[in-house]
Amino acid sequence: MNAPRLGPRLLAGLVIVLTFVVGGLAGAVVDRTVALPHGMERIGRRGPPPAPDSRREREGRERGRERFVQQLTRELSLNPAQVAKIDQITQEREQKMNAIWAEVRPRIHALLEETRTEVDQVLTPEQRQKSHELRRQHEAARQQTDSTVARDTANPKR
């Protein structure tokens, strides 16, 4: 049996669709790998992650690490010596992860910007304008969320 041949336009359309699907999946992976280590407040947000060594990012990592150790302590009934050792391990690994992210983050941002540029080339001028406006709206919402998180972090409700 011979497979049907695809016309050049259909093939080009499939390549474009596949590019968007792969880009979306890659974006989701990057979002989750960047978002989750920085605390739950990043989930569902768009835009770049916080600056590499911002106070908010450090506090978020520390809270996440503390929650992890507390969860292990609770679920595994760790003794104080185990808690201390696990806390030390997680602090050391966090430092190593920060070094890796410092190297990788610029490459990820460059790839995301390259993707945006390529997508913009496919859009009509009207679509491109609307896309840029949506991006500005998302950025404004992200900044508002950041200021709310910073305020709530500075004034925790007890």
Protein backbone atom coordinates (compact mmCIF):
# COMPACT_ATOMS: atom_id res chain seq x y z
CA MET A 1 0.00 0.00 0.00
CA ASN A 2 1.23 3.43 -0.86
CA ALA A 3 0.81 6.22 1.65
CA PRO A 4 -1.06 9.27 0.32
CA ARG A 5 1.19 12.18 -0.62
CA LEU A 6 0.60 15.50 1.06
CA GLY A 7 0.49 18.67 -0.97
CA PRO A 8 3.00 21.41 -0.12
CA ARG A 9 0.37 23.68 1.43
CA LEU A 10 -1.04 20.91 3.61
CA LEU A 11 2.46 19.91 4.65
CA ALA A 12 3.34 23.53 5.50
CA GLY A 13 0.12 23.83 7.52
CA LEU A 14 0.89 20.67 9.43
CA VAL A 15 4.41 21.91 10.17
CA ILE A 16 3.01 25.18 11.53
CA VAL A 17 0.45 23.39 13.70
CA LEU A 18 3.12 20.98 14.95
CA THR A 19 5.40 23.93 15.74
CA PHE A 20 2.69 25.57 17.85
CA VAL A 21 1.91 22.31 19.67
CA VAL A 22 5.58 21.64 20.42
CA GLY A 23 6.06 25.28 21.46
CA GLY A 24 3.06 25.08 23.77
CA LEU A 25 4.30 21.89 25.36
CA ALA A 26 7.80 23.32 25.75
CA GLY A 27 6.31 26.46 27.29
CA ALA A 28 4.29 24.38 29.75
CA VAL A 29 7.38 22.41 30.75
CA VAL A 30 9.43 25.57 31.22
CA ASP A 31 6.60 27.22 33.16
CA ARG A 32 6.32 24.28 35.53
CA THR A 33 10.06 23.87 36.02
CA VAL A 34 10.44 27.58 36.69
CA ALA A 35 7.17 28.05 38.56
CA LEU A 36 7.16 25.22 41.03
CA PRO A 37 10.57 25.83 42.57
CA HIS A 38 9.58 29.45 43.23
CA GLY A 39 6.50 28.79 45.31
CA MET A 40 2.85 28.23 44.53
CA GLU A 41 2.21 31.91 43.81
CA ARG A 42 3.73 31.44 40.30
CA ILE A 43 1.22 28.79 39.22
CA GLY A 44 -1.12 30.04 36.55
CA ARG A 45 0.88 33.21 35.90
CA ARG A 46 2.62 34.17 32.73
CA GLY A 47 5.65 36.29 32.10
CA PRO A 48 9.23 35.84 33.17
CA PRO A 49 10.10 34.46 36.58
CA PRO A 50 11.31 36.87 39.23
CA ALA A 51 14.88 38.20 39.10
CA PRO A 52 17.36 35.42 40.00
CA ASP A 53 18.18 36.66 43.48
CA SER A 54 15.22 38.82 44.35
CA ARG A 55 14.13 38.85 47.97
CA ARG A 56 10.72 37.48 47.00
CA GLU A 57 12.29 34.60 45.10
CA ARG A 58 14.63 33.72 47.99
CA GLU A 59 11.75 33.84 50.46
CA GLY A 60 9.61 31.67 48.17
CA ARG A 61 12.36 29.05 47.84
CA GLU A 62 12.91 29.07 51.59
CA ARG A 63 9.18 28.61 52.28
CA GLY A 64 9.02 25.80 49.72
CA ARG A 65 12.03 24.07 51.23
CA GLU A 66 10.60 24.43 54.75
CA ARG A 67 7.23 23.02 53.61
CA PHE A 68 9.03 20.07 52.03
CA VAL A 69 10.94 19.29 55.23
CA GLN A 70 7.77 19.74 57.33
CA GLN A 71 5.85 17.38 55.05
CA LEU A 72 8.56 14.72 55.30
CA THR A 73 8.70 15.18 59.07
CA ARG A 74 4.94 14.78 59.36
CA GLU A 75 4.50 11.91 56.89
CA LEU A 76 7.61 9.92 57.82
CA SER A 77 7.78 10.76 61.56
CA LEU A 78 11.35 12.02 61.29
CA ASN A 79 13.38 12.48 64.43
CA PRO A 80 15.18 15.80 65.09
CA ALA A 81 18.53 14.49 63.81
CA GLN A 82 16.91 13.40 60.54
CA VAL A 83 15.15 16.76 60.18
CA ALA A 84 18.45 18.60 60.66
CA LYS A 85 20.26 16.42 58.12
CA ILE A 86 17.47 16.68 55.52
CA ASP A 87 17.33 20.44 56.03
CA GLN A 88 21.09 20.62 55.42
CA ILE A 89 20.79 18.45 52.29
CA THR A 90 18.00 20.59 50.85
CA GLN A 91 19.92 23.81 51.50
CA GLU A 92 22.99 22.43 49.72
CA ARG A 93 20.92 21.22 46.76
CA GLU A 94 19.17 24.56 46.53
CA GLN A 95 22.54 26.28 46.14
CA LYS A 96 23.50 23.87 43.36
CA MET A 97 20.13 24.37 41.63
CA ASN A 98 20.56 28.15 41.80
CA ALA A 99 23.94 27.85 40.08
CA ILE A 100 22.40 25.72 37.32
CA TRP A 101 19.46 28.11 36.85
CA ALA A 102 21.85 31.08 36.69
CA GLU A 103 23.47 29.39 33.67
CA VAL A 104 20.28 28.15 32.01
CA ARG A 105 17.85 31.05 32.64
CA PRO A 106 19.33 33.37 29.96
CA ARG A 107 19.17 30.60 27.37
CA ILE A 108 15.54 29.87 28.23
CA HIS A 109 14.61 33.55 28.01
CA ALA A 110 16.40 33.84 24.66
CA LEU A 111 14.54 30.80 23.33
CA LEU A 112 11.19 32.18 24.51
CA GLU A 113 11.94 35.54 22.89
CA GLU A 114 12.98 33.80 19.67
CA THR A 115 9.69 31.88 19.72
CA ARG A 116 7.70 35.10 20.20
CA THR A 117 9.54 36.71 17.30
CA GLU A 118 8.88 33.75 15.00
CA VAL A 119 5.20 33.63 15.98
CA ASP A 120 4.92 37.38 15.34
CA GLN A 121 6.20 36.80 11.79
CA VAL A 122 3.30 34.40 11.13
CA LEU A 123 0.63 36.81 12.42
CA THR A 124 -1.07 39.54 10.45
CA PRO A 125 -0.35 43.11 11.62
CA GLU A 126 -3.74 43.21 13.39
CA GLN A 127 -3.14 39.87 15.11
CA ARG A 128 0.38 40.95 16.08
CA GLN A 129 -0.97 44.16 17.62
CA LYS A 130 -3.61 42.20 19.57
CA SER A 131 -0.97 39.66 20.66
CA HIS A 132 1.27 42.45 21.98
CA GLU A 133 -1.66 44.02 23.82
CA LEU A 134 -2.53 40.65 25.42
CA ARG A 135 1.10 40.29 26.49
CA ARG A 136 1.02 43.79 28.07
CA GLN A 137 -2.19 42.89 29.92
CA HIS A 138 -0.67 39.65 31.21
CA GLU A 139 2.42 41.55 32.33
CA ALA A 140 0.31 44.14 34.16
CA ALA A 141 -1.66 41.37 35.89
CA ARG A 142 1.60 39.63 36.83
CA GLN A 143 3.00 42.82 38.32
CA GLN A 144 -0.20 43.33 40.30
CA THR A 145 0.05 39.74 41.58
CA ASP A 146 3.72 40.29 42.46
CA SER A 147 2.89 43.37 44.52
CA THR A 148 0.06 41.52 46.28
CA VAL A 149 2.34 38.57 47.07
CA ALA A 150 5.08 40.93 48.31
CA ARG A 151 2.57 42.74 50.53
CA ASP A 152 1.15 39.49 51.89
CA THR A 153 4.66 38.14 52.50
CA ALA A 154 5.65 41.30 54.37
CA ASN A 155 2.41 41.28 56.43
CA PRO A 156 1.44 37.65 56.97
CA LYS A 157 -2.00 37.03 58.46
CA ARG A 158 -1.71 35.14 61.69
